[in-house]
Amino acid sequence: MATNATTQGDYVAFLKEFYVGTVVADLVYKNHPWLAIVPKNPEIRGNIYPKPIRFANITGQSATFATAHANQGPATRKRWELQHVDNYAKATVANKVIELSLGRPAAFREALTDAVDSAHSAFGNDCHFELLAKYPNGARAQLGDQTGYTAPEFKLLGGEARFFEVGMFVQTTDATDHSTLISEVQKVVAVDRINDTVTLDFDFTLPLAIGDRLYREGDYGKKADSLPLWLPGSAVTNTLFNGIDRTADSTRLAGVDAAHGSSDATAPLLDDLITTGARLYREGSSPDICLLNPVTQGALAFETEKRAARYIKVNATSGSLSFSALEIMTGAGAVPVVADPAVAENACLMGEKGAVELFSAGGLPRMFKKDGSFYHREETADNLAFYLFAFYNQCVQAPVTWAYTADITA
């Protein structure tokens, strides 16, 4: 690459050279443990991705041959009918920056790298959020008690301000069952991550109130299926989910209910996790990962320090990152507990990594270059634009191998 010029060939070559392999993986996975750890399948294409599941075995069994023969029947199977969701991120570099960087490739590289790094980081934040989101249809937050707060500043329910950025455009839904998106859009002008509030430029025409939800513009009903949505357990309804009524066998089709509300005052979290592991083992699962919010995992660390806690590393499926985990002995053996900031406080997810698949059409994410170039000239601004995109979704192929609760300490 030339060292005394900043040309089209320079930055196209730079993008091809720099944003490959582990660089992209590490940019996207940093601070996003589950996104890094979840098994990935980047070779899935087609409008529907059918995924069969056997949730009941054959019925031809008995202590007598005649009865086994009379009662014979096939294993009961269903098939998930999965679809890709879309996600885009766009970065721009002003033409003025390019001109002012002429003859100084290092300066231009810094500006270009900052823009593209930011796009990768934003993409990772968003994908990470949706894989573990506790609300359906792409909701990022629900409003909590607004006492002491004046609109358009809103108190969120619990640690959800981290899913918002200043400048983000948001929408809301009707206040009854969140089934109707309101077309009105407002802009986020401030985020207080300590007090867990967001401030909009204006309140909505129908003022927001406790229980209302916020969505990024364009996201409603178009986000990936999160682990909590796959694992409602005994709370499942007969509403079809990826083509299946899961009430026929809620445990095998909607997951195991994790333990919560331990009576052990000295180590309630540890007690609940041990019991959750035992419940999974009883159903035939051998859990090898547990996800807790950092605050909840910190509380668990205090409980286990007096018991000679053991820490291990859990590696990403690609890239060079690894994550510290607190290993605990459950009813199903040793399970590493990883702190993940996208998990809601007090929620618990435990299960087998191999039962989950993050499938996509190609890598996740990728920079657009189908026309041979990584960039295009903006029509309405004096910028060069760079797109990141991905088409993907998350599948829990065997929900019975996972347990979930939203309130492990309740």
Protein backbone atom coordinates (compact mmCIF):
# COMPACT_ATOMS: atom_id res chain seq x y z
CA MET A 1 0.00 0.00 0.00
CA ALA A 2 1.23 3.47 -0.85
CA THR A 3 2.52 5.49 2.08
CA ASN A 4 2.30 8.98 0.58
CA ALA A 5 -1.20 9.09 -0.85
CA THR A 6 -4.80 8.55 0.14
CA THR A 7 -6.62 7.08 -2.84
CA GLN A 8 -9.58 4.81 -3.46
CA GLY A 9 -7.19 1.91 -3.84
CA ASP A 10 -5.62 2.72 -0.49
CA TYR A 11 -8.72 2.51 1.62
CA VAL A 12 -10.30 -0.39 -0.26
CA ALA A 13 -7.07 -2.35 0.19
CA PHE A 14 -6.93 -1.29 3.83
CA LEU A 15 -10.46 -2.50 4.51
CA LYS A 16 -9.78 -5.82 2.83
CA GLU A 17 -6.53 -6.18 4.73
CA PHE A 18 -7.68 -5.12 8.17
CA TYR A 19 -11.32 -6.18 8.61
CA VAL A 20 -10.92 -9.92 8.22
CA GLY A 21 -10.81 -12.96 10.48
CA THR A 22 -10.35 -12.51 14.19
CA VAL A 23 -10.29 -8.69 13.96
CA VAL A 24 -13.99 -8.57 13.08
CA ALA A 25 -14.86 -11.32 15.57
CA ASP A 26 -13.07 -9.56 18.43
CA LEU A 27 -14.65 -6.19 17.58
CA VAL A 28 -18.14 -7.66 17.61
CA TYR A 29 -17.71 -10.07 20.53
CA LYS A 30 -15.91 -7.78 22.98
CA ASN A 31 -18.07 -7.41 26.12
CA HIS A 32 -20.70 -9.65 24.49
CA PRO A 33 -20.09 -13.08 26.02
CA TRP A 34 -23.11 -15.02 24.77
CA LEU A 35 -22.74 -13.63 21.25
CA ALA A 36 -19.14 -14.86 21.34
CA ILE A 37 -19.87 -18.25 22.92
CA VAL A 38 -23.02 -19.37 21.08
CA PRO A 39 -22.31 -22.00 18.38
CA LYS A 40 -22.59 -20.50 14.90
CA ASN A 41 -23.66 -21.86 11.52
CA PRO A 42 -23.01 -19.31 8.73
CA GLU A 43 -24.12 -21.56 5.86
CA ILE A 44 -27.92 -21.33 6.11
CA ARG A 45 -29.90 -19.86 3.23
CA GLY A 46 -33.46 -20.10 1.98
CA ASN A 47 -36.70 -18.45 3.11
CA ILE A 48 -37.45 -21.17 5.69
CA TYR A 49 -34.91 -23.11 7.73
CA PRO A 50 -36.72 -26.25 8.93
CA LYS A 51 -35.38 -27.72 12.16
CA PRO A 52 -36.91 -31.05 13.28
CA ILE A 53 -37.31 -31.92 16.93
CA ARG A 54 -38.31 -35.24 18.54
CA PHE A 55 -40.10 -34.51 21.79
CA ALA A 56 -41.72 -37.91 22.48
CA ASN A 57 -40.21 -41.35 21.91
CA ILE A 58 -41.84 -44.44 20.40
CA THR A 59 -44.81 -45.92 22.27
CA GLY A 60 -44.30 -49.60 21.39
CA GLN A 61 -42.93 -50.71 24.74
CA SER A 62 -44.22 -53.13 27.35
CA ALA A 63 -43.21 -56.01 29.61
CA THR A 64 -45.10 -58.26 27.18
CA PHE A 65 -44.48 -58.62 23.46
CA ALA A 66 -48.16 -58.55 22.54
CA THR A 67 -48.81 -55.28 24.36
CA ALA A 68 -45.68 -53.66 22.94
CA HIS A 69 -46.83 -54.72 19.47
CA ALA A 70 -50.38 -53.47 20.02
CA ASN A 71 -49.25 -50.09 21.35
CA GLN A 72 -46.52 -49.47 18.80
CA GLY A 73 -46.32 -45.92 17.44
CA PRO A 74 -43.68 -43.66 15.96
CA ALA A 75 -41.73 -41.05 17.83
CA THR A 76 -43.59 -37.74 17.96
CA ARG A 77 -41.83 -35.06 15.96
CA LYS A 78 -42.44 -31.43 15.18
CA ARG A 79 -40.40 -29.01 13.12
CA TRP A 80 -39.43 -25.48 13.90
CA GLU A 81 -39.94 -23.25 10.85
CA LEU A 82 -37.20 -20.65 11.29
CA GLN A 83 -36.65 -17.46 9.37
CA HIS A 84 -33.71 -15.07 9.06
CA VAL A 85 -34.05 -11.59 10.50
CA ASP A 86 -32.25 -8.62 8.96
CA ASN A 87 -29.83 -6.22 10.61
CA TYR A 88 -27.89 -3.28 9.18
CA ALA A 89 -25.34 -0.79 10.45
CA LYS A 90 -24.02 2.15 8.46
CA ALA A 91 -20.82 4.15 8.95
CA THR A 92 -19.79 7.26 7.05
CA VAL A 93 -16.60 9.24 6.55
CA ALA A 94 -16.94 12.85 5.40
CA ASN A 95 -15.28 13.86 2.15
CA LYS A 96 -13.71 16.75 4.09
CA VAL A 97 -11.87 14.24 6.28
CA ILE A 98 -10.60 12.47 3.19
CA GLU A 99 -9.36 15.71 1.64
CA LEU A 100 -7.70 16.91 4.83
CA SER A 101 -5.96 13.53 5.12
CA LEU A 102 -4.35 13.64 1.68
CA GLY A 103 -0.66 12.90 2.01
CA ARG A 104 -1.19 11.60 5.56
CA PRO A 105 -2.43 8.01 5.24
CA ALA A 106 -2.12 7.41 8.99
CA ALA A 107 -4.60 10.22 9.71
CA PHE A 108 -7.08 8.86 7.20
CA ARG A 109 -6.68 5.34 8.47
CA GLU A 110 -7.48 6.55 11.98
CA ALA A 111 -10.67 8.30 10.82
CA LEU A 112 -11.75 5.34 8.70
CA THR A 113 -10.94 2.81 11.40
CA ASP A 114 -12.90 4.78 14.00
CA ALA A 115 -15.99 4.87 11.77
CA VAL A 116 -15.90 1.20 10.82
CA ASP A 117 -14.98 0.08 14.36
CA SER A 118 -17.97 2.03 15.65
CA ALA A 119 -20.25 0.28 13.16
CA HIS A 120 -18.97 -3.12 14.27
CA SER A 121 -19.40 -2.18 17.93
CA ALA A 122 -22.95 -0.93 17.35
CA PHE A 123 -23.80 -4.08 15.43
CA GLY A 124 -22.43 -6.25 18.22
CA ASN A 125 -24.36 -4.32 20.87
CA ASP A 126 -27.61 -4.73 18.99
CA CYS A 127 -27.21 -8.40 18.14
CA HIS A 128 -26.12 -9.12 21.70
CA PHE A 129 -29.21 -7.39 23.08
CA GLU A 130 -31.67 -9.30 20.93
CA LEU A 131 -30.19 -12.76 21.57
CA LEU A 132 -30.93 -12.34 25.30
CA ALA A 133 -33.86 -9.87 25.27
CA LYS A 134 -36.52 -10.59 27.86
CA TYR A 135 -39.33 -8.80 26.00
CA PRO A 136 -40.96 -10.00 22.75
CA ASN A 137 -41.09 -8.18 19.41
CA GLY A 138 -37.80 -6.34 19.87
CA ALA A 139 -38.68 -4.17 22.89
CA ARG A 140 -35.55 -2.70 24.46
CA ALA A 141 -37.06 -1.54 27.73
CA GLN A 142 -40.18 -1.27 29.80
CA LEU A 143 -40.99 1.78 31.89
CA GLY A 144 -40.92 1.37 35.66
CA ASP A 145 -42.22 3.58 38.47
CA GLN A 146 -41.99 7.20 37.27
CA THR A 147 -42.22 8.76 40.76
CA GLY A 148 -39.72 11.61 40.91
CA TYR A 149 -39.22 11.74 37.14
CA THR A 150 -40.81 14.19 34.72
CA ALA A 151 -41.48 13.39 31.07
CA PRO A 152 -39.75 13.29 28.65
CA GLU A 153 -37.23 11.72 31.07
CA PHE A 154 -38.30 8.15 31.81
CA LYS A 155 -37.22 5.65 34.43
CA LEU A 156 -36.73 2.16 32.98
CA LEU A 157 -37.57 -1.09 34.72
CA GLY A 158 -34.09 -2.41 35.47
CA GLY A 159 -30.68 -1.75 33.92
CA GLU A 160 -32.06 -1.31 30.41
CA ALA A 161 -30.58 2.11 29.63
CA ARG A 162 -27.53 0.29 28.27
CA PHE A 163 -29.60 -0.69 25.21
CA PHE A 164 -30.00 2.95 24.10
CA GLU A 165 -27.73 5.49 22.45
CA VAL A 166 -28.03 9.27 22.22
CA GLY A 167 -29.48 10.01 18.80
CA MET A 168 -31.45 6.75 18.56
CA PHE A 169 -35.02 7.03 17.28
CA VAL A 170 -37.64 5.11 19.26
CA GLN A 171 -41.27 4.07 19.08
CA THR A 172 -43.79 2.61 21.51
CA THR A 173 -46.80 0.29 21.43
CA ASP A 174 -50.34 0.43 22.79
CA ALA A 175 -50.46 0.14 26.55
CA THR A 176 -52.84 -2.86 26.74
CA ASP A 177 -51.03 -5.86 25.26
CA HIS A 178 -48.22 -4.22 23.23
CA SER A 179 -49.68 -5.70 20.04
CA THR A 180 -50.04 -2.47 18.05
CA LEU A 181 -47.07 -0.32 17.08
CA ILE A 182 -47.64 3.44 17.30
CA SER A 183 -46.16 5.12 14.23
CA GLU A 184 -45.00 8.24 16.10
CA VAL A 185 -41.21 8.48 16.50
CA GLN A 186 -39.17 10.36 19.11
CA LYS A 187 -35.42 10.87 19.50
CA VAL A 188 -33.25 9.91 22.47
CA VAL A 189 -31.42 13.04 23.60
CA ALA A 190 -29.87 11.77 26.87
CA VAL A 191 -29.06 8.45 28.52
CA ASP A 192 -28.32 8.11 32.25
CA ARG A 193 -26.91 4.61 32.66
CA ILE A 194 -26.36 5.00 36.41
CA ASN A 195 -29.93 5.98 37.23
CA ASP A 196 -31.30 3.86 34.35
CA THR A 197 -33.20 6.62 32.55
CA VAL A 198 -33.59 7.81 28.99
CA THR A 199 -34.70 11.27 27.95
CA LEU A 200 -36.56 11.84 24.68
CA ASP A 201 -36.83 15.10 22.77
CA PHE A 202 -40.63 15.04 23.38
CA ASP A 203 -43.11 12.76 25.07
CA PHE A 204 -45.42 10.82 22.80
CA THR A 205 -48.82 12.30 21.95
CA LEU A 206 -50.34 9.57 24.09
CA PRO A 207 -48.05 10.06 27.11
CA LEU A 208 -45.88 7.16 28.22
CA ALA A 209 -46.64 5.53 31.55
CA ILE A 210 -45.46 2.63 33.71
CA GLY A 211 -45.52 -0.64 31.78
CA ASP A 212 -45.11 0.94 28.33
CA ARG A 213 -42.27 -0.34 26.16
CA LEU A 214 -39.71 1.32 23.91
CA TYR A 215 -38.48 -0.02 20.56
CA ARG A 216 -35.83 1.27 18.21
CA GLU A 217 -37.51 2.59 15.08
CA GLY A 218 -37.94 -0.17 12.51
CA ASP A 219 -37.32 -3.04 14.94
CA TYR A 220 -40.84 -3.99 16.07
CA GLY A 221 -41.45 -7.67 15.32
CA LYS A 222 -38.21 -7.96 13.36
CA LYS A 223 -35.63 -9.11 15.89
CA ALA A 224 -34.08 -12.52 16.52
CA ASP A 225 -35.73 -15.07 18.83
CA SER A 226 -34.04 -14.56 22.19
CA LEU A 227 -33.24 -17.31 24.69
CA PRO A 228 -36.01 -16.14 27.10
CA LEU A 229 -38.56 -16.30 24.26
CA TRP A 230 -37.47 -19.84 23.46
CA LEU A 231 -37.71 -20.85 27.13
CA PRO A 232 -40.97 -19.71 28.76
CA GLY A 233 -41.30 -23.14 30.44
CA SER A 234 -44.57 -23.71 32.29
CA ALA A 235 -45.65 -20.14 31.47
CA VAL A 236 -45.94 -21.01 27.75
CA THR A 237 -49.21 -20.32 25.92
CA ASN A 238 -50.71 -22.06 22.89
CA THR A 239 -49.66 -19.21 20.58
CA LEU A 240 -47.65 -20.73 17.74
CA PHE A 241 -43.91 -20.18 18.03
CA ASN A 242 -41.96 -20.84 14.83
CA GLY A 243 -44.84 -23.04 13.70
CA ILE A 244 -45.30 -25.11 16.89
CA ASP A 245 -47.88 -25.09 19.68
CA ARG A 246 -45.56 -25.73 22.61
CA THR A 247 -48.23 -26.60 25.20
CA ALA A 248 -48.28 -30.28 24.10
CA ASP A 249 -45.17 -30.77 26.26
CA SER A 250 -44.05 -27.49 27.80
CA THR A 251 -40.85 -28.93 29.27
CA ARG A 252 -39.55 -30.47 26.06
CA LEU A 253 -40.80 -27.72 23.76
CA ALA A 254 -40.47 -24.63 25.96
CA GLY A 255 -37.72 -25.42 28.45
CA VAL A 256 -37.30 -26.26 32.12
CA ASP A 257 -38.32 -23.88 34.89
CA ALA A 258 -35.18 -22.81 36.76
CA ALA A 259 -35.34 -22.84 40.55
CA HIS A 260 -35.91 -19.53 42.34
CA GLY A 261 -36.74 -18.25 45.76
CA SER A 262 -34.39 -20.41 47.84
CA SER A 263 -34.97 -20.69 51.60
CA ASP A 264 -31.20 -20.88 52.17
CA ALA A 265 -30.38 -17.44 53.59
CA THR A 266 -26.61 -17.97 53.50
CA ALA A 267 -26.28 -18.90 49.83
CA PRO A 268 -29.61 -18.47 48.02
CA LEU A 269 -28.15 -18.03 44.53
CA LEU A 270 -25.90 -21.05 44.85
CA ASP A 271 -28.77 -23.14 46.16
CA ASP A 272 -31.01 -22.15 43.24
CA LEU A 273 -28.30 -22.86 40.66
CA ILE A 274 -27.54 -26.28 42.15
CA THR A 275 -31.25 -27.12 42.08
CA THR A 276 -31.60 -25.83 38.53
CA GLY A 277 -28.75 -28.06 37.40
CA ALA A 278 -30.45 -31.01 39.10
CA ARG A 279 -33.72 -30.27 37.30
CA LEU A 280 -31.94 -30.17 33.97
CA TYR A 281 -30.09 -33.40 34.70
CA ARG A 282 -33.39 -35.05 35.62
CA GLU A 283 -34.64 -34.20 32.12
CA GLY A 284 -31.53 -35.64 30.47
CA SER A 285 -29.55 -32.42 30.03
CA SER A 286 -25.88 -31.91 30.87
CA PRO A 287 -25.57 -28.12 31.18
CA ASP A 288 -22.21 -26.58 30.33
CA ILE A 289 -22.99 -22.85 30.58
CA CYS A 290 -24.89 -20.52 32.90
CA LEU A 291 -25.53 -16.85 32.15
CA LEU A 292 -26.17 -14.25 34.84
CA ASN A 293 -26.21 -10.48 34.88
CA PRO A 294 -22.88 -9.10 36.23
CA VAL A 295 -24.62 -7.82 39.36
CA THR A 296 -26.19 -11.20 40.04
CA GLN A 297 -22.96 -13.03 39.23
CA GLY A 298 -21.13 -10.70 41.61
CA ALA A 299 -23.54 -11.63 44.39
CA LEU A 300 -22.90 -15.29 43.58
CA ALA A 301 -19.15 -14.68 43.83
CA PHE A 302 -19.57 -13.33 47.37
CA GLU A 303 -21.51 -16.47 48.29
CA THR A 304 -18.90 -18.82 46.88
CA GLU A 305 -15.68 -17.09 47.97
CA LYS A 306 -15.96 -18.65 51.42
CA ARG A 307 -16.22 -22.06 49.72
CA ALA A 308 -12.94 -21.77 47.78
CA ALA A 309 -14.44 -20.62 44.48
CA ARG A 310 -12.87 -21.87 41.27
CA TYR A 311 -12.54 -19.76 38.12
CA ILE A 312 -12.03 -20.97 34.56
CA LYS A 313 -12.00 -19.48 31.05
CA VAL A 314 -14.73 -19.98 28.44
CA ASN A 315 -13.58 -19.38 24.87
CA ALA A 316 -15.42 -17.71 22.01
CA THR A 317 -16.38 -19.97 19.11
CA SER A 318 -14.24 -17.78 16.82
CA GLY A 319 -11.80 -14.95 17.39
CA SER A 320 -9.27 -14.79 20.19
CA LEU A 321 -11.45 -13.71 23.13
CA SER A 322 -12.19 -15.69 26.25
CA PHE A 323 -14.35 -14.92 29.29
CA SER A 324 -13.80 -15.56 32.97
CA ALA A 325 -16.34 -17.87 34.55
CA LEU A 326 -17.11 -18.90 38.12
CA GLU A 327 -17.40 -22.69 38.11
CA ILE A 328 -19.97 -24.17 40.46
CA MET A 329 -20.86 -27.78 41.19
CA THR A 330 -24.54 -28.33 40.43
CA GLY A 331 -26.77 -31.36 40.45
CA ALA A 332 -25.57 -31.96 36.88
CA GLY A 333 -21.85 -31.54 37.50
CA ALA A 334 -19.57 -28.52 37.20
CA VAL A 335 -21.07 -25.59 35.28
CA PRO A 336 -19.22 -22.35 34.39
CA VAL A 337 -21.19 -19.21 35.25
CA VAL A 338 -20.45 -16.31 32.89
CA ALA A 339 -21.40 -12.70 33.60
CA ASP A 340 -23.26 -11.27 30.60
CA PRO A 341 -24.52 -7.66 30.71
CA ALA A 342 -27.41 -8.37 28.32
CA VAL A 343 -29.03 -10.76 30.80
CA ALA A 344 -31.60 -9.01 32.97
CA GLU A 345 -30.77 -8.62 36.65
CA ASN A 346 -31.94 -11.62 38.71
CA ALA A 347 -32.56 -13.68 35.56
CA CYS A 348 -30.83 -17.03 35.09
CA LEU A 349 -30.17 -19.05 31.94
CA MET A 350 -28.53 -22.47 32.21
CA GLY A 351 -28.15 -25.16 29.57
CA GLU A 352 -26.14 -26.88 26.87
CA LYS A 353 -24.30 -24.64 24.41
CA GLY A 354 -24.52 -27.32 21.74
CA ALA A 355 -28.32 -27.20 21.76
CA VAL A 356 -28.30 -23.60 20.51
CA GLU A 357 -27.46 -22.42 17.01
CA LEU A 358 -26.89 -18.88 15.77
CA PHE A 359 -27.49 -19.46 12.07
CA SER A 360 -26.85 -16.90 9.36
CA ALA A 361 -26.48 -16.47 5.61
CA GLY A 362 -22.73 -15.92 5.54
CA GLY A 363 -20.70 -14.28 8.28
CA LEU A 364 -22.21 -12.12 10.98
CA PRO A 365 -21.72 -9.26 10.29
CA ARG A 366 -20.22 -8.62 6.88
CA MET A 367 -19.27 -5.47 5.01
CA PHE A 368 -21.17 -4.92 1.79
CA LYS A 369 -18.97 -5.53 -1.23
CA LYS A 370 -21.13 -7.42 -3.73
CA ASP A 371 -20.33 -4.81 -6.38
CA GLY A 372 -16.60 -5.20 -5.77
CA SER A 373 -16.27 -2.19 -3.46
CA PHE A 374 -16.62 -1.76 0.29
CA TYR A 375 -18.12 1.73 0.05
CA HIS A 376 -20.45 3.95 -1.94
CA ARG A 377 -20.85 7.69 -2.38
CA GLU A 378 -23.79 9.24 -0.51
CA GLU A 379 -26.41 10.91 -2.70
CA THR A 380 -27.60 13.42 -0.12
CA ALA A 381 -24.39 14.12 1.81
CA ASP A 382 -20.71 14.68 1.07
CA ASN A 383 -19.74 11.33 2.56
CA LEU A 384 -18.49 7.88 1.79
CA ALA A 385 -20.72 5.22 3.36
CA PHE A 386 -19.88 1.72 4.56
CA TYR A 387 -22.58 -0.85 5.30
CA LEU A 388 -22.52 -3.81 7.64
CA PHE A 389 -25.30 -6.35 7.30
CA ALA A 390 -26.35 -9.82 8.41
CA PHE A 391 -29.31 -12.17 7.97
CA TYR A 392 -29.59 -14.54 10.93
CA ASN A 393 -31.61 -15.92 13.84
CA GLN A 394 -31.16 -18.01 16.98
CA CYS A 395 -32.51 -21.51 17.43
CA VAL A 396 -32.72 -23.66 20.56
CA GLN A 397 -32.96 -27.06 18.90
CA ALA A 398 -33.82 -28.89 22.14
CA PRO A 399 -35.44 -26.52 24.68
CA VAL A 400 -35.54 -29.31 27.29
CA THR A 401 -31.76 -28.90 27.66
CA TRP A 402 -32.16 -25.32 28.96
CA ALA A 403 -33.68 -23.71 32.05
CA TYR A 404 -34.73 -20.10 32.50
CA THR A 405 -36.19 -17.88 35.17
CA ALA A 406 -36.63 -14.14 35.22
CA ASP A 407 -36.47 -13.95 39.02
CA ILE A 408 -33.93 -16.32 40.53
CA THR A 409 -33.92 -14.38 43.82
CA ALA A 410 -37.70 -13.95 44.15
